PDB file of N, CA and C in Angstrom:
ATOM      1  N   MET A   1      50.376 -10.795 -50.172  1.00  0.00           N
ATOM      2  CA  MET A   1      48.948 -10.646 -50.096  1.00  0.00           C
ATOM      3  C   MET A   1      48.464 -10.646 -48.643  1.00  0.00           C
ATOM      4  N   ALA A   2      48.940 -11.576 -47.842  1.00  0.00           N
ATOM      5  CA  ALA A   2      48.545 -11.642 -46.444  1.00  0.00           C
ATOM      6  C   ALA A   2      49.027 -10.415 -45.703  1.00  0.00           C
ATOM      7  N   THR A   3      50.213  -9.951 -46.054  1.00  0.00           N
ATOM      8  CA  THR A   3      50.743  -8.747 -45.418  1.00  0.00           C
ATOM      9  C   THR A   3      49.884  -7.550 -45.779  1.00  0.00           C
ATOM     10  N   SER A   4      49.426  -7.497 -46.987  1.00  0.00           N
ATOM     11  CA  SER A   4      48.589  -6.398 -47.432  1.00  0.00           C
ATOM     12  C   SER A   4      47.273  -6.350 -46.642  1.00  0.00           C
ATOM     13  N   LYS A   5      46.673  -7.515 -46.405  1.00  0.00           N
ATOM     14  CA  LYS A   5      45.434  -7.559 -45.642  1.00  0.00           C
ATOM     15  C   LYS A   5      45.681  -7.154 -44.200  1.00  0.00           C
ATOM     16  N   LEU A   6      46.814  -7.547 -43.646  1.00  0.00           N
ATOM     17  CA  LEU A   6      47.160  -7.148 -42.279  1.00  0.00           C
ATOM     18  C   LEU A   6      47.354  -5.643 -42.192  1.00  0.00           C
ATOM     19  N   GLU A   7      48.036  -5.103 -43.198  1.00  0.00           N
ATOM     20  CA  GLU A   7      48.268  -3.658 -43.218  1.00  0.00           C
ATOM     21  C   GLU A   7      46.941  -2.913 -43.373  1.00  0.00           C
ATOM     22  N   ASP A   8      46.062  -3.434 -44.241  1.00  0.00           N
ATOM     23  CA  ASP A   8      44.752  -2.819 -44.425  1.00  0.00           C
ATOM     24  C   ASP A   8      43.957  -2.867 -43.119  1.00  0.00           C
ATOM     25  N   GLY A   9      44.000  -4.003 -42.441  1.00  0.00           N
ATOM     26  CA  GLY A   9      43.294  -4.150 -41.163  1.00  0.00           C
ATOM     27  C   GLY A   9      43.833  -3.195 -40.120  1.00  0.00           C
ATOM     28  N   ALA A  10      45.166  -3.067 -40.065  1.00  0.00           N
ATOM     29  CA  ALA A  10      45.788  -2.159 -39.103  1.00  0.00           C
ATOM     30  C   ALA A  10      45.411  -0.721 -39.425  1.00  0.00           C
ATOM     31  N   GLU A  11      45.364  -0.381 -40.703  1.00  0.00           N
ATOM     32  CA  GLU A  11      44.998   0.981 -41.115  1.00  0.00           C
ATOM     33  C   GLU A  11      43.546   1.280 -40.751  1.00  0.00           C
ATOM     34  N   GLN A  12      42.675   0.319 -40.990  1.00  0.00           N
ATOM     35  CA  GLN A  12      41.261   0.496 -40.646  1.00  0.00           C
ATOM     36  C   GLN A  12      41.089   0.610 -39.132  1.00  0.00           C
ATOM     37  N   ALA A  13      41.840  -0.197 -38.390  1.00  0.00           N
ATOM     38  CA  ALA A  13      41.772  -0.126 -36.927  1.00  0.00           C
ATOM     39  C   ALA A  13      42.238   1.247 -36.448  1.00  0.00           C
ATOM     40  N   GLY A  14      43.265   1.771 -37.089  1.00  0.00           N
ATOM     41  CA  GLY A  14      43.745   3.110 -36.732  1.00  0.00           C
ATOM     42  C   GLY A  14      42.705   4.171 -37.015  1.00  0.00           C
ATOM     43  N   ARG A  15      42.004   4.050 -38.153  1.00  0.00           N
ATOM     44  CA  ARG A  15      40.939   4.998 -38.489  1.00  0.00           C
ATOM     45  C   ARG A  15      39.788   4.907 -37.484  1.00  0.00           C
ATOM     46  N   VAL A  16      39.422   3.678 -37.138  1.00  0.00           N
ATOM     47  CA  VAL A  16      38.338   3.482 -36.175  1.00  0.00           C
ATOM     48  C   VAL A  16      38.726   4.084 -34.827  1.00  0.00           C
ATOM     49  N   ALA A  17      39.986   3.892 -34.427  1.00  0.00           N
ATOM     50  CA  ALA A  17      40.457   4.466 -33.165  1.00  0.00           C
ATOM     51  C   ALA A  17      40.396   5.987 -33.221  1.00  0.00           C
ATOM     52  N   GLY A  18      40.736   6.564 -34.353  1.00  0.00           N
ATOM     53  CA  GLY A  18      40.665   8.014 -34.518  1.00  0.00           C
ATOM     54  C   GLY A  18      39.229   8.511 -34.427  1.00  0.00           C
ATOM     55  N   TYR A  19      38.305   7.796 -35.087  1.00  0.00           N
ATOM     56  CA  TYR A  19      36.893   8.167 -35.010  1.00  0.00           C
ATOM     57  C   TYR A  19      36.372   8.051 -33.580  1.00  0.00           C
ATOM     58  N   ALA A  20      36.789   6.991 -32.910  1.00  0.00           N
ATOM     59  CA  ALA A  20      36.352   6.794 -31.520  1.00  0.00           C
ATOM     60  C   ALA A  20      36.872   7.917 -30.634  1.00  0.00           C
ATOM     61  N   GLU A  21      38.107   8.336 -30.860  1.00  0.00           N
ATOM     62  CA  GLU A  21      38.676   9.437 -30.062  1.00  0.00           C
ATOM     63  C   GLU A  21      37.933  10.738 -30.324  1.00  0.00           C
ATOM     64  N   GLU A  22      37.612  11.002 -31.603  1.00  0.00           N
ATOM     65  CA  GLU A  22      36.845  12.206 -31.934  1.00  0.00           C
ATOM     66  C   GLU A  22      35.465  12.172 -31.277  1.00  0.00           C
ATOM     67  N   ALA A  23      34.822  11.016 -31.351  1.00  0.00           N
ATOM     68  CA  ALA A  23      33.502  10.883 -30.740  1.00  0.00           C
ATOM     69  C   ALA A  23      33.579  11.084 -29.233  1.00  0.00           C
ATOM     70  N   THR A  24      34.605  10.529 -28.611  1.00  0.00           N
ATOM     71  CA  THR A  24      34.793  10.687 -27.168  1.00  0.00           C
ATOM     72  C   THR A  24      34.988  12.156 -26.814  1.00  0.00           C
ATOM     73  N   ASP A  25      35.783  12.853 -27.595  1.00  0.00           N
ATOM     74  CA  ASP A  25      36.006  14.283 -27.343  1.00  0.00           C
ATOM     75  C   ASP A  25      34.708  15.083 -27.467  1.00  0.00           C
ATOM     76  N   LYS A  26      33.903  14.751 -28.477  1.00  0.00           N
ATOM     77  CA  LYS A  26      32.626  15.449 -28.652  1.00  0.00           C
ATOM     78  C   LYS A  26      31.690  15.181 -27.482  1.00  0.00           C
ATOM     79  N   VAL A  27      31.642  13.922 -27.039  1.00  0.00           N
ATOM     80  CA  VAL A  27      30.779  13.576 -25.909  1.00  0.00           C
ATOM     81  C   VAL A  27      31.242  14.293 -24.650  1.00  0.00           C
ATOM     82  N   LYS A  28      32.546  14.354 -24.437  1.00  0.00           N
ATOM     83  CA  LYS A  28      33.082  15.067 -23.270  1.00  0.00           C
ATOM     84  C   LYS A  28      32.692  16.540 -23.321  1.00  0.00           C
ATOM     85  N   ALA A  29      32.796  17.145 -24.490  1.00  0.00           N
ATOM     86  CA  ALA A  29      32.447  18.566 -24.625  1.00  0.00           C
ATOM     87  C   ALA A  29      30.960  18.785 -24.343  1.00  0.00           C
ATOM     88  N   ILE A  30      30.116  17.934 -24.891  1.00  0.00           N
ATOM     89  CA  ILE A  30      28.675  18.072 -24.681  1.00  0.00           C
ATOM     90  C   ILE A  30      28.336  17.846 -23.212  1.00  0.00           C
ATOM     91  N   ALA A  31      28.949  16.833 -22.608  1.00  0.00           N
ATOM     92  CA  ALA A  31      28.692  16.557 -21.190  1.00  0.00           C
ATOM     93  C   ALA A  31      29.169  17.714 -20.323  1.00  0.00           C
ATOM     94  N   GLY A  32      30.316  18.288 -20.657  1.00  0.00           N
ATOM     95  CA  GLY A  32      30.826  19.436 -19.898  1.00  0.00           C
ATOM     96  C   GLY A  32      29.875  20.621 -19.967  1.00  0.00           C
ATOM     97  N   GLU A  33      29.327  20.873 -21.156  1.00  0.00           N
ATOM     98  CA  GLU A  33      28.365  21.965 -21.307  1.00  0.00           C
ATOM     99  C   GLU A  33      27.094  21.681 -20.500  1.00  0.00           C
ATOM    100  N   ALA A  34      26.652  20.442 -20.522  1.00  0.00           N
ATOM    101  CA  ALA A  34      25.452  20.081 -19.767  1.00  0.00           C
ATOM    102  C   ALA A  34      25.678  20.255 -18.272  1.00  0.00           C
ATOM    103  N   VAL A  35      26.840  19.845 -17.800  1.00  0.00           N
ATOM    104  CA  VAL A  35      27.164  20.000 -16.375  1.00  0.00           C
ATOM    105  C   VAL A  35      27.194  21.485 -16.014  1.00  0.00           C
ATOM    106  N   ASP A  36      27.767  22.299 -16.873  1.00  0.00           N
ATOM    107  CA  ASP A  36      27.815  23.741 -16.617  1.00  0.00           C
ATOM    108  C   ASP A  36      26.404  24.337 -16.537  1.00  0.00           C
ATOM    109  N   ARG A  37      25.525  23.906 -17.459  1.00  0.00           N
ATOM    110  CA  ARG A  37      24.152  24.419 -17.452  1.00  0.00           C
ATOM    111  C   ARG A  37      23.398  23.982 -16.197  1.00  0.00           C
ATOM    112  N   VAL A  38      23.578  22.729 -15.803  1.00  0.00           N
ATOM    113  CA  VAL A  38      22.894  22.229 -14.610  1.00  0.00           C
ATOM    114  C   VAL A  38      23.418  22.940 -13.366  1.00  0.00           C
ATOM    115  N   THR A  39      24.730  23.147 -13.304  1.00  0.00           N
ATOM    116  CA  THR A  39      25.328  23.850 -12.170  1.00  0.00           C
ATOM    117  C   THR A  39      24.795  25.276 -12.070  1.00  0.00           C
ATOM    118  N   ALA A  40      24.723  25.955 -13.192  1.00  0.00           N
ATOM    119  CA  ALA A  40      24.203  27.328 -13.198  1.00  0.00           C
ATOM    120  C   ALA A  40      22.741  27.349 -12.770  1.00  0.00           C
ATOM    121  N   ALA A  41      21.955  26.398 -13.245  1.00  0.00           N
ATOM    122  CA  ALA A  41      20.538  26.343 -12.867  1.00  0.00           C
ATOM    123  C   ALA A  41      20.383  26.060 -11.377  1.00  0.00           C
ATOM    124  N   ALA A  42      21.232  25.191 -10.841  1.00  0.00           N
ATOM    125  CA  ALA A  42      21.167  24.877  -9.409  1.00  0.00           C
ATOM    126  C   ALA A  42      21.531  26.107  -8.578  1.00  0.00           C
ATOM    127  N   LYS A  43      22.551  26.829  -9.005  1.00  0.00           N
ATOM    128  CA  LYS A  43      22.937  28.047  -8.276  1.00  0.00           C
ATOM    129  C   LYS A  43      21.808  29.073  -8.308  1.00  0.00           C
ATOM    130  N   ASP A  44      21.159  29.210  -9.461  1.00  0.00           N
ATOM    131  CA  ASP A  44      20.029  30.144  -9.561  1.00  0.00           C
ATOM    132  C   ASP A  44      18.886  29.719  -8.651  1.00  0.00           C
ATOM    133  N   ALA A  45      18.625  28.421  -8.608  1.00  0.00           N
ATOM    134  CA  ALA A  45      17.537  27.920  -7.757  1.00  0.00           C
ATOM    135  C   ALA A  45      17.828  28.165  -6.282  1.00  0.00           C
ATOM    136  N   ILE A  46      19.085  28.094  -5.911  1.00  0.00           N
ATOM    137  CA  ILE A  46      19.469  28.348  -4.521  1.00  0.00           C
ATOM    138  C   ILE A  46      19.431  29.844  -4.222  1.00  0.00           C
ATOM    139  N   ASP A  47      19.895  30.641  -5.165  1.00  0.00           N
ATOM    140  CA  ASP A  47      19.974  32.084  -4.950  1.00  0.00           C
ATOM    141  C   ASP A  47      18.605  32.746  -4.894  1.00  0.00           C
ATOM    142  N   ASP A  48      17.632  32.264  -5.667  1.00  0.00           N
ATOM    143  CA  ASP A  48      16.315  32.906  -5.706  1.00  0.00           C
ATOM    144  C   ASP A  48      15.634  32.939  -4.344  1.00  0.00           C
ATOM    145  N   PRO A  49      15.516  31.818  -3.622  1.00  0.00           N
ATOM    146  CA  PRO A  49      14.881  31.897  -2.302  1.00  0.00           C
ATOM    147  C   PRO A  49      15.661  32.783  -1.326  1.00  0.00           C
ATOM    148  N   GLN A  50      16.985  32.721  -1.409  1.00  0.00           N
ATOM    149  CA  GLN A  50      17.799  33.565  -0.525  1.00  0.00           C
ATOM    150  C   GLN A  50      17.566  35.040  -0.846  1.00  0.00           C
ATOM    151  N   ARG A  51      17.523  35.366  -2.105  1.00  0.00           N
ATOM    152  CA  ARG A  51      17.288  36.748  -2.524  1.00  0.00           C
ATOM    153  C   ARG A  51      15.894  37.200  -2.090  1.00  0.00           C
ATOM    154  N   PHE A  52      14.893  36.325  -2.248  1.00  0.00           N
ATOM    155  CA  PHE A  52      13.526  36.653  -1.838  1.00  0.00           C
ATOM    156  C   PHE A  52      13.466  36.915  -0.336  1.00  0.00           C
ATOM    157  N   ALA A  53      14.101  36.036   0.449  1.00  0.00           N
ATOM    158  CA  ALA A  53      14.085  36.207   1.912  1.00  0.00           C
ATOM    159  C   ALA A  53      14.790  37.502   2.307  1.00  0.00           C
ATOM    160  N   LYS A  54      15.904  37.783   1.659  1.00  0.00           N
ATOM    161  CA  LYS A  54      16.654  39.002   1.977  1.00  0.00           C
ATOM    162  C   LYS A  54      15.842  40.246   1.619  1.00  0.00           C
ATOM    163  N   ASP A  55      15.210  40.226   0.442  1.00  0.00           N
ATOM    164  CA  ASP A  55      14.392  41.365   0.028  1.00  0.00           C
ATOM    165  C   ASP A  55      13.200  41.550   0.961  1.00  0.00           C
ATOM    166  N   SER A  56      12.579  40.434   1.354  1.00  0.00           N
ATOM    167  CA  SER A  56      11.433  40.511   2.268  1.00  0.00           C
ATOM    168  C   SER A  56      11.854  41.074   3.614  1.00  0.00           C
ATOM    169  N   TYR A  57      12.980  40.604   4.128  1.00  0.00           N
ATOM    170  CA  TYR A  57      13.478  41.102   5.409  1.00  0.00           C
ATOM    171  C   TYR A  57      13.741  42.601   5.334  1.00  0.00           C
ATOM    172  N   ASN A  58      14.405  43.028   4.265  1.00  0.00           N
ATOM    173  CA  ASN A  58      14.705  44.455   4.114  1.00  0.00           C
ATOM    174  C   ASN A  58      13.431  45.283   4.031  1.00  0.00           C
ATOM    175  N   SER A  59      12.420  44.784   3.340  1.00  0.00           N
ATOM    176  CA  SER A  59      11.152  45.488   3.219  1.00  0.00           C
ATOM    177  C   SER A  59      10.453  45.602   4.573  1.00  0.00           C
ATOM    178  N   ILE A  60      10.419  44.507   5.314  1.00  0.00           N
ATOM    179  CA  ILE A  60       9.779  44.513   6.634  1.00  0.00           C
ATOM    180  C   ILE A  60      10.535  45.429   7.592  1.00  0.00           C
ATOM    181  N   ALA A  61      11.853  45.383   7.544  1.00  0.00           N
ATOM    182  CA  ALA A  61      12.655  46.230   8.430  1.00  0.00           C
ATOM    183  C   ALA A  61      12.430  47.709   8.115  1.00  0.00           C
ATOM    184  N   ALA A  62      12.343  48.053   6.832  1.00  0.00           N
ATOM    185  CA  ALA A  62      12.096  49.448   6.445  1.00  0.00           C
ATOM    186  C   ALA A  62      10.719  49.893   6.922  1.00  0.00           C
ATOM    187  N   TYR A  63       9.717  49.028   6.792  1.00  0.00           N
ATOM    188  CA  TYR A  63       8.364  49.358   7.255  1.00  0.00           C
ATOM    189  C   TYR A  63       8.362  49.576   8.770  1.00  0.00           C
ATOM    190  N   ALA A  64       9.067  48.695   9.489  1.00  0.00           N
ATOM    191  CA  ALA A  64       9.102  48.818  10.953  1.00  0.00           C
ATOM    192  C   ALA A  64       9.793  50.111  11.382  1.00  0.00           C
ATOM    193  N   ARG A  65      10.808  50.551  10.621  1.00  0.00           N
ATOM    194  CA  ARG A  65      11.484  51.810  10.950  1.00  0.00           C
ATOM    195  C   ARG A  65      10.584  53.019  10.667  1.00  0.00           C
ATOM    196  N   GLU A  66       9.812  52.936   9.586  1.00  0.00           N
ATOM    197  CA  GLU A  66       8.947  54.046   9.209  1.00  0.00           C
ATOM    198  C   GLU A  66       7.707  54.144  10.114  1.00  0.00           C
ATOM    199  N   LYS A  67       7.143  53.004  10.485  1.00  0.00           N
ATOM    200  CA  LYS A  67       5.899  52.980  11.270  1.00  0.00           C
ATOM    201  C   LYS A  67       6.039  51.967  12.411  1.00  0.00           C
ATOM    202  N   PRO A  68       6.791  52.334  13.443  1.00  0.00           N
ATOM    203  CA  PRO A  68       7.075  51.360  14.512  1.00  0.00           C
ATOM    204  C   PRO A  68       5.840  50.917  15.296  1.00  0.00           C
ATOM    205  N   LEU A  69       4.889  51.811  15.560  1.00  0.00           N
ATOM    206  CA  LEU A  69       3.702  51.432  16.329  1.00  0.00           C
ATOM    207  C   LEU A  69       2.805  50.466  15.545  1.00  0.00           C
ATOM    208  N   GLU A  70       2.650  50.719  14.250  1.00  0.00           N
ATOM    209  CA  GLU A  70       1.857  49.817  13.428  1.00  0.00           C
ATOM    210  C   GLU A  70       2.525  48.444  13.332  1.00  0.00           C
ATOM    211  N   ALA A  71       3.838  48.438  13.182  1.00  0.00           N
ATOM    212  CA  ALA A  71       4.579  47.177  13.102  1.00  0.00           C
ATOM    213  C   ALA A  71       4.427  46.397  14.403  1.00  0.00           C
ATOM    214  N   LEU A  72       4.481  47.088  15.527  1.00  0.00           N
ATOM    215  CA  LEU A  72       4.301  46.439  16.827  1.00  0.00           C
ATOM    216  C   LEU A  72       2.898  45.860  16.959  1.00  0.00           C
ATOM    217  N   ALA A  73       1.897  46.605  16.513  1.00  0.00           N
ATOM    218  CA  ALA A  73       0.512  46.131  16.580  1.00  0.00           C
ATOM    219  C   ALA A  73       0.309  44.901  15.689  1.00  0.00           C
ATOM    220  N   ILE A  74       0.893  44.923  14.507  1.00  0.00           N
ATOM    221  CA  ILE A  74       0.785  43.774  13.604  1.00  0.00           C
ATOM    222  C   ILE A  74       1.462  42.558  14.233  1.00  0.00           C
ATOM    223  N   GLY A  75       2.631  42.764  14.808  1.00  0.00           N
ATOM    224  CA  GLY A  75       3.339  41.665  15.464  1.00  0.00           C
ATOM    225  C   GLY A  75       2.534  41.083  16.617  1.00  0.00           C
ATOM    226  N   ALA A  76       1.908  41.949  17.399  1.00  0.00           N
ATOM    227  CA  ALA A  76       1.091  41.478  18.526  1.00  0.00           C
ATOM    228  C   ALA A  76      -0.117  40.696  18.019  1.00  0.00           C
ATOM    229  N   ALA A  77      -0.744  41.173  16.971  1.00  0.00           N
ATOM    230  CA  ALA A  77      -1.912  40.484  16.413  1.00  0.00           C
ATOM    231  C   ALA A  77      -1.532  39.110  15.867  1.00  0.00           C
ATOM    232  N   VAL A  78      -0.419  39.045  15.178  1.00  0.00           N
ATOM    233  CA  VAL A  78       0.047  37.762  14.649  1.00  0.00           C
ATOM    234  C   VAL A  78       0.380  36.818  15.800  1.00  0.00           C
ATOM    235  N   GLY A  79       1.054  37.326  16.826  1.00  0.00           N
ATOM    236  CA  GLY A  79       1.375  36.503  17.992  1.00  0.00           C
ATOM    237  C   GLY A  79       0.132  35.987  18.691  1.00  0.00           C
ATOM    238  N   PHE A  80      -0.872  36.849  18.825  1.00  0.00           N
ATOM    239  CA  PHE A  80      -2.126  36.445  19.451  1.00  0.00           C
ATOM    240  C   PHE A  80      -2.809  35.348  18.628  1.00  0.00           C
ATOM    241  N   ALA A  81      -2.853  35.521  17.314  1.00  0.00           N
ATOM    242  CA  ALA A  81      -3.488  34.538  16.432  1.00  0.00           C
ATOM    243  C   ALA A  81      -2.770  33.189  16.507  1.00  0.00           C
ATOM    244  N   ILE A  82      -1.456  33.215  16.476  1.00  0.00           N
ATOM    245  CA  ILE A  82      -0.689  31.965  16.574  1.00  0.00           C
ATOM    246  C   ILE A  82      -0.918  31.309  17.923  1.00  0.00           C
ATOM    247  N   GLY A  83      -0.952  32.102  18.986  1.00  0.00           N
ATOM    248  CA  GLY A  83      -1.198  31.562  20.315  1.00  0.00           C
ATOM    249  C   GLY A  83      -2.579  30.931  20.413  1.00  0.00           C
ATOM    250  N   ALA A  84      -3.577  31.552  19.823  1.00  0.00           N
ATOM    251  CA  ALA A  84      -4.947  31.013  19.868  1.00  0.00           C
ATOM    252  C   ALA A  84      -5.033  29.704  19.085  1.00  0.00           C
ATOM    253  N   ILE A  85      -4.373  29.650  17.952  1.00  0.00           N
ATOM    254  CA  ILE A  85      -4.363  28.427  17.158  1.00  0.00           C
ATOM    255  C   ILE A  85      -3.591  27.322  17.878  1.00  0.00           C
ATOM    256  N   TRP A  86      -2.498  27.677  18.480  1.00  0.00           N
ATOM    257  CA  TRP A  86      -1.630  26.713  19.167  1.00  0.00           C
ATOM    258  C   TRP A  86      -2.330  26.067  20.351  1.00  0.00           C
ATOM    259  N   LYS A  87      -3.174  26.842  21.042  1.00  0.00           N
ATOM    260  CA  LYS A  87      -3.887  26.339  22.211  1.00  0.00           C
ATOM    261  C   LYS A  87      -4.846  25.216  21.880  1.00  0.00           C
ATOM    262  N   ARG A  88      -5.447  25.272  20.736  1.00  0.00           N
ATOM    263  CA  ARG A  88      -6.458  24.291  20.345  1.00  0.00           C
ATOM    264  C   ARG A  88      -5.808  23.028  20.081  1.00  0.00           C
TER     265      ARG A  88
END
């Protein structure tokens, strides 16, 4: 009788260990997916400003090539405005 209870306890402990292992595996899988999603979102957040700056630079450079005198005048006006603000 005592041996039977020990065997039952050992069997239940084995089942609990199996359930715990399954739960651990599920948590690892969910955590891995979450890390992947966060990593992808972080990369997108970093890439967006870089892409915006690159696109803006390309647009400004194309405008300056097409209309160099206007681009020079705009640059001079911006420089003058910044200089006037800076002086104060």
